[in-house]
Structure formats: C-alpha cells, structure tokens
C-alpha atoms as a PDB file:
ATOM      1  CA  GLU A   1      23.476  30.968 -33.415  1.00  0.00           C
ATOM      2  CA  ASP A   2      19.955  30.127 -34.613  1.00  0.00           C
ATOM      3  CA  ASP A   3      20.637  26.448 -33.898  1.00  0.00           C
ATOM      4  CA  ALA A   4      21.805  27.275 -30.361  1.00  0.00           C
ATOM      5  CA  ARG A   5      18.697  29.384 -29.750  1.00  0.00           C
ATOM      6  CA  SER A   6      16.470  26.605 -31.069  1.00  0.00           C
ATOM      7  CA  ARG A   7      18.221  24.094 -28.814  1.00  0.00           C
ATOM      8  CA  ARG A   8      17.585  26.324 -25.782  1.00  0.00           C
ATOM      9  CA  TYR A   9      13.907  26.575 -26.698  1.00  0.00           C
ATOM     10  CA  VAL A  10      13.654  22.805 -27.066  1.00  0.00           C
ATOM     11  CA  ASP A  11      15.496  22.214 -23.771  1.00  0.00           C
ATOM     12  CA  ASN A  12      13.229  24.674 -21.950  1.00  0.00           C
ATOM     13  CA  ALA A  13      10.154  23.047 -23.464  1.00  0.00           C
ATOM     14  CA  MET A  14      11.346  19.576 -22.441  1.00  0.00           C
ATOM     15  CA  GLU A  15      12.079  20.748 -18.909  1.00  0.00           C
ATOM     16  CA  GLY A  16       8.622  22.302 -18.706  1.00  0.00           C
ATOM     17  CA  ALA A  17       7.071  19.062 -19.941  1.00  0.00           C
ATOM     18  CA  ARG A  18       8.964  17.045 -17.327  1.00  0.00           C
ATOM     19  CA  ARG A  19       7.790  19.392 -14.575  1.00  0.00           C
ATOM     20  CA  ALA A  20       4.227  19.149 -15.861  1.00  0.00           C
ATOM     21  CA  ALA A  21       4.424  15.342 -15.928  1.00  0.00           C
ATOM     22  CA  THR A  22       5.719  15.262 -12.367  1.00  0.00           C
ATOM     23  CA  LEU A  23       2.984  17.636 -11.252  1.00  0.00           C
ATOM     24  CA  THR A  24       0.340  15.495 -12.966  1.00  0.00           C
ATOM     25  CA  HIS A  25       1.590  12.337 -11.226  1.00  0.00           C
ATOM     26  CA  ARG A  26       1.489  14.132  -7.890  1.00  0.00           C
ATOM     27  CA  LEU A  27      -2.012  15.444  -8.485  1.00  0.00           C
ATOM     28  CA  LEU A  28      -3.153  11.954  -9.480  1.00  0.00           C
ATOM     29  CA  ALA A  29      -1.554  10.544  -6.341  1.00  0.00           C
ATOM     30  CA  PHE A  30      -3.258  13.108  -4.154  1.00  0.00           C
ATOM     31  CA  SER A  31      -6.642  12.445  -5.760  1.00  0.00           C
ATOM     32  CA  ARG A  32      -5.983   8.684  -5.343  1.00  0.00           C
ATOM     33  CA  GLN A  33      -6.419   8.086  -9.066  1.00  0.00           C
ATOM     34  CA  GLN A  34      -2.856   7.065  -9.869  1.00  0.00           C
ATOM     35  CA  PRO A  35      -2.756   3.419 -10.997  1.00  0.00           C
ATOM     36  CA  LEU A  36      -0.822   1.305  -8.508  1.00  0.00           C
ATOM     37  CA  SER A  37       0.552  -2.215  -8.851  1.00  0.00           C
ATOM     38  CA  PRO A  38       0.416  -3.585  -5.306  1.00  0.00           C
ATOM     39  CA  GLU A  39       2.309  -6.745  -4.437  1.00  0.00           C
ATOM     40  CA  PRO A  40       3.764  -8.367  -1.299  1.00  0.00           C
ATOM     41  CA  VAL A  41       6.730  -6.192  -0.309  1.00  0.00           C
ATOM     42  CA  ASP A  42       9.481  -6.782   2.251  1.00  0.00           C
ATOM     43  CA  ALA A  43       9.898  -3.213   3.539  1.00  0.00           C
ATOM     44  CA  ASN A  44      13.159  -4.115   5.295  1.00  0.00           C
ATOM     45  CA  LYS A  45      14.700  -5.287   2.029  1.00  0.00           C
ATOM     46  CA  LEU A  46      13.328  -2.264   0.173  1.00  0.00           C
ATOM     47  CA  VAL A  47      14.726   0.233   2.705  1.00  0.00           C
ATOM     48  CA  ALA A  48      18.089  -1.544   2.872  1.00  0.00           C
ATOM     49  CA  GLY A  49      18.310  -1.480  -0.912  1.00  0.00           C
ATOM     50  CA  MET A  50      17.705   2.278  -0.947  1.00  0.00           C
ATOM     51  CA  SER A  51      20.548   3.193   1.410  1.00  0.00           C
ATOM     52  CA  GLU A  52      22.976   4.242  -1.319  1.00  0.00           C
ATOM     53  CA  LEU A  53      20.335   6.279  -3.163  1.00  0.00           C
ATOM     54  CA  LEU A  54      19.305   8.022   0.050  1.00  0.00           C
ATOM     55  CA  ARG A  55      22.892   8.869   0.969  1.00  0.00           C
ATOM     56  CA  HIS A  56      23.312  10.541  -2.426  1.00  0.00           C
ATOM     57  CA  THR A  57      20.054  12.423  -1.845  1.00  0.00           C
ATOM     58  CA  LEU A  58      21.197  13.748   1.527  1.00  0.00           C
ATOM     59  CA  SER A  59      23.993  16.227   2.095  1.00  0.00           C
ATOM     60  CA  GLY A  60      27.281  15.124   3.623  1.00  0.00           C
ATOM     61  CA  THR A  61      26.340  16.719   6.951  1.00  0.00           C
ATOM     62  CA  ILE A  62      23.270  14.508   7.416  1.00  0.00           C
ATOM     63  CA  ARG A  63      23.742  11.047   8.912  1.00  0.00           C
ATOM     64  CA  LEU A  64      21.432   8.259   7.720  1.00  0.00           C
ATOM     65  CA  GLU A  65      20.361   5.565  10.182  1.00  0.00           C
ATOM     66  CA  THR A  66      18.064   2.602   9.588  1.00  0.00           C
ATOM     67  CA  VAL A  67      16.355   0.621  12.354  1.00  0.00           C
ATOM     68  CA  LEU A  68      14.778  -2.450  10.774  1.00  0.00           C
ATOM     69  CA  GLY A  69      12.241  -4.397  12.826  1.00  0.00           C
ATOM     70  CA  GLY A  70      12.762  -8.120  13.364  1.00  0.00           C
ATOM     71  CA  GLY A  71      10.221 -10.573  11.949  1.00  0.00           C
ATOM     72  CA  LEU A  72       8.672  -7.806   9.868  1.00  0.00           C
ATOM     73  CA  TRP A  73       5.487  -8.713   8.039  1.00  0.00           C
ATOM     74  CA  ARG A  74       5.204  -8.077   4.315  1.00  0.00           C
ATOM     75  CA  CYS A  75       2.986  -5.192   3.259  1.00  0.00           C
ATOM     76  CA  ASN A  76       0.699  -5.041   0.242  1.00  0.00           C
ATOM     77  CA  VAL A  77       1.825  -1.976  -1.753  1.00  0.00           C
ATOM     78  CA  ASP A  78       3.305  -0.771  -5.029  1.00  0.00           C
ATOM     79  CA  PRO A  79       7.072  -1.019  -4.332  1.00  0.00           C
ATOM     80  CA  ASN A  80       8.045   1.686  -6.833  1.00  0.00           C
ATOM     81  CA  GLN A  81       5.635   4.168  -5.305  1.00  0.00           C
ATOM     82  CA  LEU A  82       6.772   3.269  -1.789  1.00  0.00           C
ATOM     83  CA  GLU A  83      10.345   4.032  -2.849  1.00  0.00           C
ATOM     84  CA  ASN A  84       9.185   7.365  -4.265  1.00  0.00           C
ATOM     85  CA  VAL A  85       7.441   8.199  -0.996  1.00  0.00           C
ATOM     86  CA  ILE A  86      10.524   7.405   1.098  1.00  0.00           C
ATOM     87  CA  VAL A  87      12.743   9.504  -1.194  1.00  0.00           C
ATOM     88  CA  ASN A  88      10.156  12.295  -1.030  1.00  0.00           C
ATOM     89  CA  LEU A  89      10.230  12.246   2.775  1.00  0.00           C
ATOM     90  CA  ALA A  90      14.039  12.122   2.763  1.00  0.00           C
ATOM     91  CA  VAL A  91      14.185  15.226   0.553  1.00  0.00           C
ATOM     92  CA  ASN A  92      11.777  17.057   2.873  1.00  0.00           C
ATOM     93  CA  ALA A  93      13.921  16.014   5.830  1.00  0.00           C
ATOM     94  CA  ARG A  94      17.100  17.178   4.086  1.00  0.00           C
ATOM     95  CA  ASP A  95      15.564  20.589   3.399  1.00  0.00           C
ATOM     96  CA  ALA A  96      14.565  20.852   7.077  1.00  0.00           C
ATOM     97  CA  MET A  97      18.193  20.252   8.166  1.00  0.00           C
ATOM     98  CA  PRO A  98      20.266  22.921   6.350  1.00  0.00           C
ATOM     99  CA  ASN A  99      22.954  22.685   9.026  1.00  0.00           C
ATOM    100  CA  GLY A 100      23.045  18.897   9.108  1.00  0.00           C
ATOM    101  CA  GLY A 101      21.500  16.370  11.441  1.00  0.00           C
ATOM    102  CA  ARG A 102      20.222  12.798  11.493  1.00  0.00           C
ATOM    103  CA  LEU A 103      17.656  11.023   9.328  1.00  0.00           C
ATOM    104  CA  THR A 104      16.286   7.764  10.752  1.00  0.00           C
ATOM    105  CA  ILE A 105      14.140   5.271   8.854  1.00  0.00           C
ATOM    106  CA  GLU A 106      12.485   2.683  11.091  1.00  0.00           C
ATOM    107  CA  THR A 107      10.250  -0.306  10.381  1.00  0.00           C
ATOM    108  CA  GLN A 108       7.977  -2.124  12.836  1.00  0.00           C
ATOM    109  CA  ASN A 109       4.948  -4.391  12.939  1.00  0.00           C
ATOM    110  CA  ALA A 110       1.916  -2.504  14.244  1.00  0.00           C
ATOM    111  CA  HIS A 111      -1.647  -3.257  15.309  1.00  0.00           C
ATOM    112  CA  LEU A 112      -4.229  -0.474  15.012  1.00  0.00           C
ATOM    113  CA  ASP A 113      -7.099  -1.260  17.352  1.00  0.00           C
ATOM    114  CA  ASP A 114     -10.694  -0.051  17.453  1.00  0.00           C
ATOM    115  CA  ARG A 115      -9.904   2.801  19.851  1.00  0.00           C
ATOM    116  CA  TYR A 116      -7.230   4.235  17.554  1.00  0.00           C
ATOM    117  CA  VAL A 117      -9.284   3.674  14.391  1.00  0.00           C
ATOM    118  CA  ALA A 118     -12.292   5.465  15.912  1.00  0.00           C
ATOM    119  CA  ARG A 119     -10.291   8.715  15.772  1.00  0.00           C
ATOM    120  CA  ASN A 120      -9.424   8.259  12.075  1.00  0.00           C
ATOM    121  CA  VAL A 121     -12.297   8.151   9.588  1.00  0.00           C
ATOM    122  CA  GLY A 122     -12.029   5.430   6.962  1.00  0.00           C
ATOM    123  CA  LEU A 123      -9.265   3.494   8.715  1.00  0.00           C
ATOM    124  CA  VAL A 124      -9.779  -0.234   9.268  1.00  0.00           C
ATOM    125  CA  PRO A 125      -8.501  -1.920  12.454  1.00  0.00           C
ATOM    126  CA  GLY A 126      -5.937  -4.652  12.013  1.00  0.00           C
ATOM    127  CA  GLN A 127      -2.301  -5.430  11.315  1.00  0.00           C
ATOM    128  CA  TYR A 128      -0.055  -2.960   9.531  1.00  0.00           C
ATOM    129  CA  VAL A 129       3.600  -2.475   8.670  1.00  0.00           C
ATOM    130  CA  LEU A 130       4.935   0.824  10.002  1.00  0.00           C
ATOM    131  CA  VAL A 131       7.569   2.806   8.105  1.00  0.00           C
ATOM    132  CA  ALA A 132       8.655   5.874  10.089  1.00  0.00           C
ATOM    133  CA  VAL A 133      10.927   8.635   8.780  1.00  0.00           C
ATOM    134  CA  THR A 134      12.384  10.941  11.445  1.00  0.00           C
ATOM    135  CA  ASP A 135      14.580  14.017  11.115  1.00  0.00           C
ATOM    136  CA  THR A 136      16.253  16.328  13.623  1.00  0.00           C
ATOM    137  CA  GLY A 137      15.361  19.434  11.644  1.00  0.00           C
ATOM    138  CA  THR A 138      13.407  22.634  12.138  1.00  0.00           C
ATOM    139  CA  GLY A 139      10.110  20.926  12.911  1.00  0.00           C
ATOM    140  CA  MET A 140       6.580  22.131  12.180  1.00  0.00           C
ATOM    141  CA  SER A 141       4.020  24.049  14.190  1.00  0.00           C
ATOM    142  CA  ASP A 142       0.544  22.628  14.784  1.00  0.00           C
ATOM    143  CA  GLU A 143      -0.812  25.085  12.206  1.00  0.00           C
ATOM    144  CA  VAL A 144       1.601  23.824   9.555  1.00  0.00           C
ATOM    145  CA  ILE A 145       0.875  20.161  10.383  1.00  0.00           C
ATOM    146  CA  GLU A 146      -2.860  20.779   9.885  1.00  0.00           C
ATOM    147  CA  LYS A 147      -2.191  21.984   6.314  1.00  0.00           C
ATOM    148  CA  ALA A 148       0.751  19.731   5.469  1.00  0.00           C
ATOM    149  CA  PHE A 149      -1.276  17.308   3.338  1.00  0.00           C
ATOM    150  CA  ASP A 150      -3.125  20.018   1.407  1.00  0.00           C
ATOM    151  CA  PRO A 151      -2.151  20.274  -2.276  1.00  0.00           C
ATOM    152  CA  PHE A 152       0.029  23.284  -3.102  1.00  0.00           C
ATOM    153  CA  PHE A 153       0.662  24.152   0.553  1.00  0.00           C
ATOM    154  CA  THR A 154       4.379  24.643   1.112  1.00  0.00           C
ATOM    155  CA  THR A 155       6.716  26.374   3.541  1.00  0.00           C
ATOM    156  CA  LYS A 156       9.415  26.676   0.875  1.00  0.00           C
ATOM    157  CA  GLU A 157      10.284  29.805  -1.068  1.00  0.00           C
ATOM    158  CA  ILE A 158       8.423  30.574  -4.298  1.00  0.00           C
ATOM    159  CA  GLY A 159       9.846  28.488  -7.111  1.00  0.00           C
ATOM    160  CA  LYS A 160      11.483  25.988  -4.747  1.00  0.00           C
ATOM    161  CA  GLY A 161       8.774  23.346  -4.984  1.00  0.00           C
ATOM    162  CA  THR A 162       5.241  22.484  -6.038  1.00  0.00           C
ATOM    163  CA  GLY A 163       4.025  22.010  -2.481  1.00  0.00           C
ATOM    164  CA  LEU A 164       2.743  18.537  -3.373  1.00  0.00           C
ATOM    165  CA  GLY A 165       5.384  16.501  -1.528  1.00  0.00           C
ATOM    166  CA  LEU A 166       3.331  15.403   1.477  1.00  0.00           C
ATOM    167  CA  SER A 167       0.136  15.466  -0.573  1.00  0.00           C
ATOM    168  CA  GLN A 168       1.679  12.794  -2.787  1.00  0.00           C
ATOM    169  CA  VAL A 169       2.581  10.755   0.295  1.00  0.00           C
ATOM    170  CA  TYR A 170      -0.962  11.123   1.608  1.00  0.00           C
ATOM    171  CA  GLY A 171      -2.528  10.072  -1.692  1.00  0.00           C
ATOM    172  CA  PHE A 172      -0.342   6.983  -2.046  1.00  0.00           C
ATOM    173  CA  VAL A 173      -0.925   5.815   1.511  1.00  0.00           C
ATOM    174  CA  LYS A 174      -4.693   6.305   1.366  1.00  0.00           C
ATOM    175  CA  GLN A 175      -4.944   4.658  -2.044  1.00  0.00           C
ATOM    176  CA  SER A 176      -3.022   1.714  -0.591  1.00  0.00           C
ATOM    177  CA  GLY A 177      -5.521   1.363   2.259  1.00  0.00           C
ATOM    178  CA  GLY A 178      -3.092   2.709   4.851  1.00  0.00           C
ATOM    179  CA  HIS A 179      -2.699   5.589   7.279  1.00  0.00           C
ATOM    180  CA  VAL A 180      -0.203   8.429   7.671  1.00  0.00           C
ATOM    181  CA  LYS A 181       0.463  10.606  10.713  1.00  0.00           C
ATOM    182  CA  ILE A 182       2.850  13.513  11.373  1.00  0.00           C
ATOM    183  CA  TYR A 183       4.455  14.160  14.760  1.00  0.00           C
ATOM    184  CA  SER A 184       6.593  17.285  15.047  1.00  0.00           C
ATOM    185  CA  GLU A 185       8.025  19.842  17.449  1.00  0.00           C
ATOM    186  CA  VAL A 186       9.453  23.173  16.352  1.00  0.00           C
ATOM    187  CA  GLY A 187      13.217  23.159  16.776  1.00  0.00           C
ATOM    188  CA  LEU A 188      13.402  19.422  17.515  1.00  0.00           C
ATOM    189  CA  GLY A 189      12.339  17.620  14.355  1.00  0.00           C
ATOM    190  CA  THR A 190       9.605  15.681  12.624  1.00  0.00           C
ATOM    191  CA  THR A 191       8.461  12.071  12.327  1.00  0.00           C
ATOM    192  CA  VAL A 192       6.173  10.907   9.527  1.00  0.00           C
ATOM    193  CA  LYS A 193       4.637   7.498  10.265  1.00  0.00           C
ATOM    194  CA  ILE A 194       3.204   5.466   7.410  1.00  0.00           C
ATOM    195  CA  TYR A 195       1.040   2.434   8.214  1.00  0.00           C
ATOM    196  CA  LEU A 196       0.667   0.015   5.295  1.00  0.00           C
ATOM    197  CA  PRO A 197      -1.723  -2.984   5.298  1.00  0.00           C
ATOM    198  CA  ARG A 198      -0.130  -6.298   6.098  1.00  0.00           C
ATOM    199  CA  HIS A 199      -0.132  -8.823   3.247  1.00  0.00           C
ATOM    200  CA  THR A 200      -1.908 -11.958   4.458  1.00  0.00           C
ATOM    201  CA  GLY A 201      -1.061 -14.494   1.761  1.00  0.00           C
ATOM    202  CA  GLU A 202       0.176 -18.040   2.400  1.00  0.00           C
ATOM    203  CA  GLU A 203       3.810 -17.003   2.156  1.00  0.00           C
ATOM    204  CA  ASP A 204       3.372 -14.541   4.995  1.00  0.00           C
ATOM    205  CA  GLU A 205       1.591 -17.024   7.220  1.00  0.00           C
ATOM    206  CA  ALA A 206       4.654 -19.250   6.900  1.00  0.00           C
ATOM    207  CA  THR A 207       6.942 -16.282   7.517  1.00  0.00           C
ATOM    208  CA  ALA A 208       4.995 -15.264  10.603  1.00  0.00           C
ATOM    209  CA  SER A 209       5.140 -18.783  12.053  1.00  0.00           C
ATOM    210  CA  ALA A 210       8.897 -18.791  11.513  1.00  0.00           C
ATOM    211  CA  GLN A 211       9.508 -15.472  13.275  1.00  0.00           C
ATOM    212  CA  PRO A 212      12.146 -15.530  15.994  1.00  0.00           C
ATOM    213  CA  ALA A 213      10.883 -15.512  19.540  1.00  0.00           C
ATOM    214  CA  GLY A 214      12.322 -12.053  20.056  1.00  0.00           C
ATOM    215  CA  ALA A 215      10.354 -10.476  17.214  1.00  0.00           C
ATOM    216  CA  ASP A 216       8.102  -7.580  18.136  1.00  0.00           C
ATOM    217  CA  GLY A 217       4.419  -7.836  18.690  1.00  0.00           C
ATOM    218  CA  GLY A 218       2.586 -11.010  18.819  1.00  0.00           C
ATOM    219  CA  LEU A 219      -0.988 -10.003  19.491  1.00  0.00           C
ATOM    220  CA  GLU A 220      -0.689 -10.445  23.258  1.00  0.00           C
ATOM    221  CA  LEU A 221      -2.898  -8.223  25.402  1.00  0.00           C
ATOM    222  CA  ILE A 222      -0.978  -5.855  27.699  1.00  0.00           C
ATOM    223  CA  LEU A 223      -2.501  -3.885  30.584  1.00  0.00           C
ATOM    224  CA  VAL A 224      -0.844  -0.466  30.949  1.00  0.00           C
ATOM    225  CA  VAL A 225      -1.235   1.162  34.374  1.00  0.00           C
ATOM    226  CA  GLU A 226      -0.163   4.810  34.741  1.00  0.00           C
ATOM    227  CA  ASP A 227      -1.801   7.558  36.802  1.00  0.00           C
ATOM    228  CA  ASP A 228      -0.497  10.426  34.619  1.00  0.00           C
ATOM    229  CA  GLU A 229      -2.862  10.610  31.627  1.00  0.00           C
ATOM    230  CA  SER A 230      -0.384  12.196  29.192  1.00  0.00           C
ATOM    231  CA  VAL A 231       2.302   9.623  30.018  1.00  0.00           C
ATOM    232  CA  ARG A 232      -0.271   6.836  29.737  1.00  0.00           C
ATOM    233  CA  ARG A 233      -1.296   8.011  26.250  1.00  0.00           C
ATOM    234  CA  VAL A 234       2.299   8.041  25.023  1.00  0.00           C
ATOM    235  CA  THR A 235       2.960   4.613  26.534  1.00  0.00           C
ATOM    236  CA  LEU A 236      -0.169   3.118  24.964  1.00  0.00           C
ATOM    237  CA  ASP A 237       0.807   4.465  21.548  1.00  0.00           C
ATOM    238  CA  ALA A 238       4.286   2.962  21.894  1.00  0.00           C
ATOM    239  CA  VAL A 239       3.004  -0.461  22.989  1.00  0.00           C
ATOM    240  CA  GLN A 240       0.470  -0.494  20.145  1.00  0.00           C
ATOM    241  CA  GLU A 241       3.140   0.447  17.607  1.00  0.00           C
ATOM    242  CA  LEU A 242       5.022  -2.677  18.653  1.00  0.00           C
ATOM    243  CA  GLY A 243       2.033  -4.726  17.553  1.00  0.00           C
ATOM    244  CA  TYR A 244       0.378  -5.491  20.892  1.00  0.00           C
ATOM    245  CA  ARG A 245      -3.226  -5.048  21.964  1.00  0.00           C
ATOM    246  CA  THR A 246      -3.742  -2.858  25.031  1.00  0.00           C
ATOM    247  CA  LEU A 247      -6.005  -2.071  27.949  1.00  0.00           C
ATOM    248  CA  GLU A 248      -5.429   0.921  30.208  1.00  0.00           C
ATOM    249  CA  ALA A 249      -5.979   1.836  33.840  1.00  0.00           C
ATOM    250  CA  ASP A 250      -5.214   4.988  35.823  1.00  0.00           C
ATOM    251  CA  GLY A 251      -4.603   3.150  39.075  1.00  0.00           C
ATOM    252  CA  ALA A 252      -4.590  -0.135  40.952  1.00  0.00           C
ATOM    253  CA  THR A 253      -8.340  -0.379  41.578  1.00  0.00           C
ATOM    254  CA  GLU A 254      -9.223  -0.145  37.883  1.00  0.00           C
ATOM    255  CA  ALA A 255      -6.302  -2.411  36.964  1.00  0.00           C
ATOM    256  CA  LEU A 256      -7.481  -5.211  39.249  1.00  0.00           C
ATOM    257  CA  ARG A 257     -11.023  -4.895  37.898  1.00  0.00           C
ATOM    258  CA  LEU A 258      -9.738  -5.260  34.333  1.00  0.00           C
ATOM    259  CA  LEU A 259      -7.574  -8.234  35.302  1.00  0.00           C
ATOM    260  CA  ASP A 260     -10.612 -10.012  36.699  1.00  0.00           C
ATOM    261  CA  MET A 261     -12.651  -9.216  33.566  1.00  0.00           C
ATOM    262  CA  HIS A 262      -9.982 -10.134  31.008  1.00  0.00           C
ATOM    263  CA  PRO A 263      -8.232 -13.450  31.689  1.00  0.00           C
ATOM    264  CA  GLU A 264      -6.453 -13.070  28.322  1.00  0.00           C
ATOM    265  CA  ILE A 265      -4.221 -10.264  29.698  1.00  0.00           C
ATOM    266  CA  ALA A 266      -0.679 -11.584  29.230  1.00  0.00           C
ATOM    267  CA  LEU A 267       1.372  -8.848  30.887  1.00  0.00           C
ATOM    268  CA  LEU A 268       0.990  -6.044  33.414  1.00  0.00           C
ATOM    269  CA  PHE A 269       3.050  -2.948  32.546  1.00  0.00           C
ATOM    270  CA  THR A 270       2.780  -0.646  35.538  1.00  0.00           C
ATOM    271  CA  ASP A 271       4.247   2.534  36.925  1.00  0.00           C
ATOM    272  CA  ILE A 272       5.612   2.088  40.434  1.00  0.00           C
ATOM    273  CA  VAL A 273       4.933   5.455  42.060  1.00  0.00           C
ATOM    274  CA  MET A 274       1.152   5.966  42.130  1.00  0.00           C
ATOM    275  CA  PRO A 275      -1.289   7.378  44.698  1.00  0.00           C
ATOM    276  CA  GLU A 276      -3.050   5.029  47.114  1.00  0.00           C
ATOM    277  CA  ILE A 277      -1.669   1.651  45.956  1.00  0.00           C
ATOM    278  CA  ASP A 278       1.790   1.617  44.381  1.00  0.00           C
ATOM    279  CA  GLY A 279       2.819  -0.549  41.452  1.00  0.00           C
ATOM    280  CA  ARG A 280       4.654  -3.109  43.574  1.00  0.00           C
ATOM    281  CA  ASN A 281       1.633  -3.819  45.754  1.00  0.00           C
ATOM    282  CA  LEU A 282      -0.589  -3.880  42.665  1.00  0.00           C
ATOM    283  CA  ALA A 283       1.672  -6.483  41.053  1.00  0.00           C
ATOM    284  CA  ASP A 284       1.718  -8.620  44.204  1.00  0.00           C
ATOM    285  CA  GLU A 285      -2.093  -8.686  44.328  1.00  0.00           C
ATOM    286  CA  ALA A 286      -2.369  -9.234  40.571  1.00  0.00           C
ATOM    287  CA  MET A 287      -0.041 -12.248  40.702  1.00  0.00           C
ATOM    288  CA  ARG A 288      -1.924 -13.626  43.708  1.00  0.00           C
ATOM    289  CA  ARG A 289      -5.095 -13.559  41.610  1.00  0.00           C
ATOM    290  CA  ARG A 290      -3.369 -14.593  38.384  1.00  0.00           C
ATOM    291  CA  PRO A 291      -0.352 -16.829  39.078  1.00  0.00           C
ATOM    292  CA  GLY A 292       2.019 -16.764  36.134  1.00  0.00           C
ATOM    293  CA  LEU A 293       1.065 -13.235  35.041  1.00  0.00           C
ATOM    294  CA  LYS A 294       4.085 -11.451  33.536  1.00  0.00           C
ATOM    295  CA  VAL A 295       4.963  -8.038  35.012  1.00  0.00           C
ATOM    296  CA  VAL A 296       7.201  -5.187  33.869  1.00  0.00           C
ATOM    297  CA  PHE A 297       7.622  -2.131  36.108  1.00  0.00           C
ATOM    298  CA  THR A 298       8.492   1.369  34.957  1.00  0.00           C
ATOM    299  CA  THR A 299       9.484   4.494  36.870  1.00  0.00           C
ATOM    300  CA  GLY A 300      11.457   7.696  36.652  1.00  0.00           C
ATOM    301  CA  TYR A 301      12.522   7.540  40.296  1.00  0.00           C
ATOM    302  CA  THR A 302      15.824   5.983  41.322  1.00  0.00           C
ATOM    303  CA  ARG A 303      14.512   5.183  44.806  1.00  0.00           C
ATOM    304  CA  ASN A 304      11.419   3.031  44.547  1.00  0.00           C
ATOM    305  CA  ALA A 305       9.659  -0.095  45.768  1.00  0.00           C
ATOM    306  CA  VAL A 306      11.620  -2.549  43.610  1.00  0.00           C
ATOM    307  CA  VAL A 307      15.139  -1.167  44.092  1.00  0.00           C
ATOM    308  CA  HIS A 308      16.894  -1.445  47.445  1.00  0.00           C
ATOM    309  CA  ASN A 309      20.420  -0.223  48.134  1.00  0.00           C
ATOM    310  CA  GLY A 310      20.787   0.460  44.432  1.00  0.00           C
ATOM    311  CA  VAL A 311      20.065  -3.181  43.508  1.00  0.00           C
ATOM    312  CA  LEU A 312      16.987  -4.395  41.647  1.00  0.00           C
ATOM    313  CA  ASP A 313      14.986  -6.951  43.616  1.00  0.00           C
ATOM    314  CA  ALA A 314      15.390 -10.534  42.399  1.00  0.00           C
ATOM    315  CA  GLY A 315      12.982 -11.596  39.666  1.00  0.00           C
ATOM    316  CA  VAL A 316      11.846  -8.039  38.916  1.00  0.00           C
ATOM    317  CA  ARG A 317      11.879  -6.480  35.445  1.00  0.00           C
ATOM    318  CA  LEU A 318      12.246  -2.697  35.475  1.00  0.00           C
ATOM    319  CA  LEU A 319      12.257  -0.229  32.578  1.00  0.00           C
ATOM    320  CA  THR A 320      13.434   3.196  33.692  1.00  0.00           C
ATOM    321  CA  LYS A 321      11.895   6.361  32.245  1.00  0.00           C
ATOM    322  CA  PRO A 322      12.505   7.791  29.762  1.00  0.00           C
ATOM    323  CA  PHE A 323      12.880   4.696  27.575  1.00  0.00           C
ATOM    324  CA  THR A 324      13.216   4.181  23.835  1.00  0.00           C
ATOM    325  CA  LEU A 325      10.880   2.122  21.683  1.00  0.00           C
ATOM    326  CA  ASP A 326      13.636  -0.469  21.219  1.00  0.00           C
ATOM    327  CA  GLU A 327      14.140  -0.733  24.994  1.00  0.00           C
ATOM    328  CA  LEU A 328      10.398  -1.144  25.533  1.00  0.00           C
ATOM    329  CA  SER A 329      10.225  -3.775  22.793  1.00  0.00           C
ATOM    330  CA  ALA A 330      13.096  -5.797  24.230  1.00  0.00           C
ATOM    331  CA  LYS A 331      11.786  -5.683  27.808  1.00  0.00           C
ATOM    332  CA  LEU A 332       8.233  -6.706  26.889  1.00  0.00           C
ATOM    333  CA  ARG A 333       9.351  -9.612  24.713  1.00  0.00           C
ATOM    334  CA  GLU A 334      11.852 -10.752  27.327  1.00  0.00           C
ATOM    335  CA  ALA A 335       9.057 -10.971  29.889  1.00  0.00           C
ATOM    336  CA  LEU A 336       6.487 -12.539  27.565  1.00  0.00           C
ATOM    337  CA  ASP A 337       8.879 -15.172  26.218  1.00  0.00           C
ATOM    338  CA  GLU A 338      10.009 -16.306  29.665  1.00  0.00           C
ATOM    339  CA  GLY A 339       8.966 -19.879  30.359  1.00  0.00           C
END
C-alpha cells in the first residue's frame, strides 16, 4: 500500500513537471526567447506529412481538408515548431467544433506590400508563404480576437487549458520574422493566417524558375476597379494573398489615370456594374490605350454588359460573385498566361 501511494505521488509529481515544462516552453515562445533552428522548409510537404497526426487529433465528426498551393516557395522556419503551431491551431479548431465540422489547412504564396505593412508595426514588405487554418466552429467576437494573443487569456473552462495556445503561435511567428492574423465571425468559424518569410537561397531560385505556368502569383501588377469600398478591400486582400501586387480605383476615371501612370500594369480586374462608366466601356477604352492589356470582369448580376442571351461574349473572361480564392487564382493566371 505504501508503495502504491509512493507511486501515485511520483506520477503526480512527474505530471506536474511535464505541465510546468510545457508552460515554460509556451512562455518562452510568447516572449520570443525560445531557441529556434530555422531552415528551408517545404510547407506543402510538412502539411501533407502531418495528415495522419491531425486526423488522430481531431474527432471523427470533423473532416480534414488540405488545399496545397502550386509552385509554393520554401519558407525559412523551424520545422518542428511549425508542426507544433499547426497542431496547436488544429486543437483549438477541434474544441470550437464540439458538434463536428470542417478543418481546412491551405498554403499559398503571398506578397505583403507597403500599404499592408504600414498597418502592422514591425512587419517587413516582401514575399511570404501563407499557411491558413480554417474551422467552421463557434467563431470569436471582436473583443475576444483583440485579446486572443495575450498570455493566459482563454475562453475555456478553468482547468481546461493554460490559455497560451495562440500566444505560443504569436511568439513563434514573430520570432520567425513573420505575421499572424485572425479572421472570425461568431457562429460561422475562424481563420488563422500565418505568413512566414520566403527562403531566398539558390535552391529556391531554381525552384521558382521551374514553377509551372499555372502557379499562383508571379509579381505582376493588377489594377482592381470596384466602386463598393468594402468589396474592393476584400478583393484587394484576396489578390495580394495570391502573391500579386495591386493598385486600386473606385471607378473608371481613376482607373484610366492609373493605367496612364503605370505602364507595368499587367491586368485590369474590374466590376461591370458601376456608376457613370461601366466596366465594359472602361475595358474598351483601357485596351484602346494599352493594346494587349489583359482583362478579367467580375459581377454579381446575371444580366450585364458582357453576357447576352445567357451567353458570354467571345473573348471575355468573367468571374461571377461570390467567388472563391481558388477560382480567382485560376482566372487571373489563365488571363495572364495567355499568349
């Protein structure tokens, strides 16, 4: 009996030590003092190799999906810590979906430009690898999002966690020279986007030159024209996440001015239904000034200036709203890669 009691004491002490060690690692990560061993990492290969582990982490009622970007750059990170971060986010997602749902892990090339960086202190403009983890769970309010990266903040019951989950993610990403952003809606779900610096060694220059033509995001400059400011903001974010540089205009007059000022604009991405001059007339004038300019139209209306009798006009590329990031990616590359 004494031996059994002693064993329980030892087991409890060991469990306490393990919890303390985990807490220490998380605190070090949050304070950005945890030693990392960064190296060139293929995030696609890393995510694919984690599929079995993640499925064991999730409950049977949660479906795991991976969307791996083509021609993905390597990122310069500690692979073991990146795995820990992805598992951490998967556990948070699982806990937010007690009745089941879908967990999606997506990778993309991304370019963070000066305009985006200006809103995020300490972030450097340039090329990044995006790893996004999305769940269809309970979501978070704006108040919760504001505190989500604070150490010891948690929405879980007492004793159910240290509250350092997202703090650990934040610490790792910042220590790696990256950026992390949360997007969430209560009742709909949450997306955590992690931007990790692109590795720019010789191997990756060769990899980049060998990318398939359909890979996302060269660094082409795309002019986005949309009169609705909120829609324009969302569209710009999506185009930038695909790795492109952007300019924006709220109508045809500003768009034509920018076209004249920036001969490097490779593609015009314009809404069709706009006040004063519609997208079709804008495109006609733009192509008169810039023969060979690529154009992609977008609209939420079934009856518009490029569709007649239910048939798309010849030679016109149209992306109907709402569209997914994959649909946007495919349509932009299709237009840009056309001879």
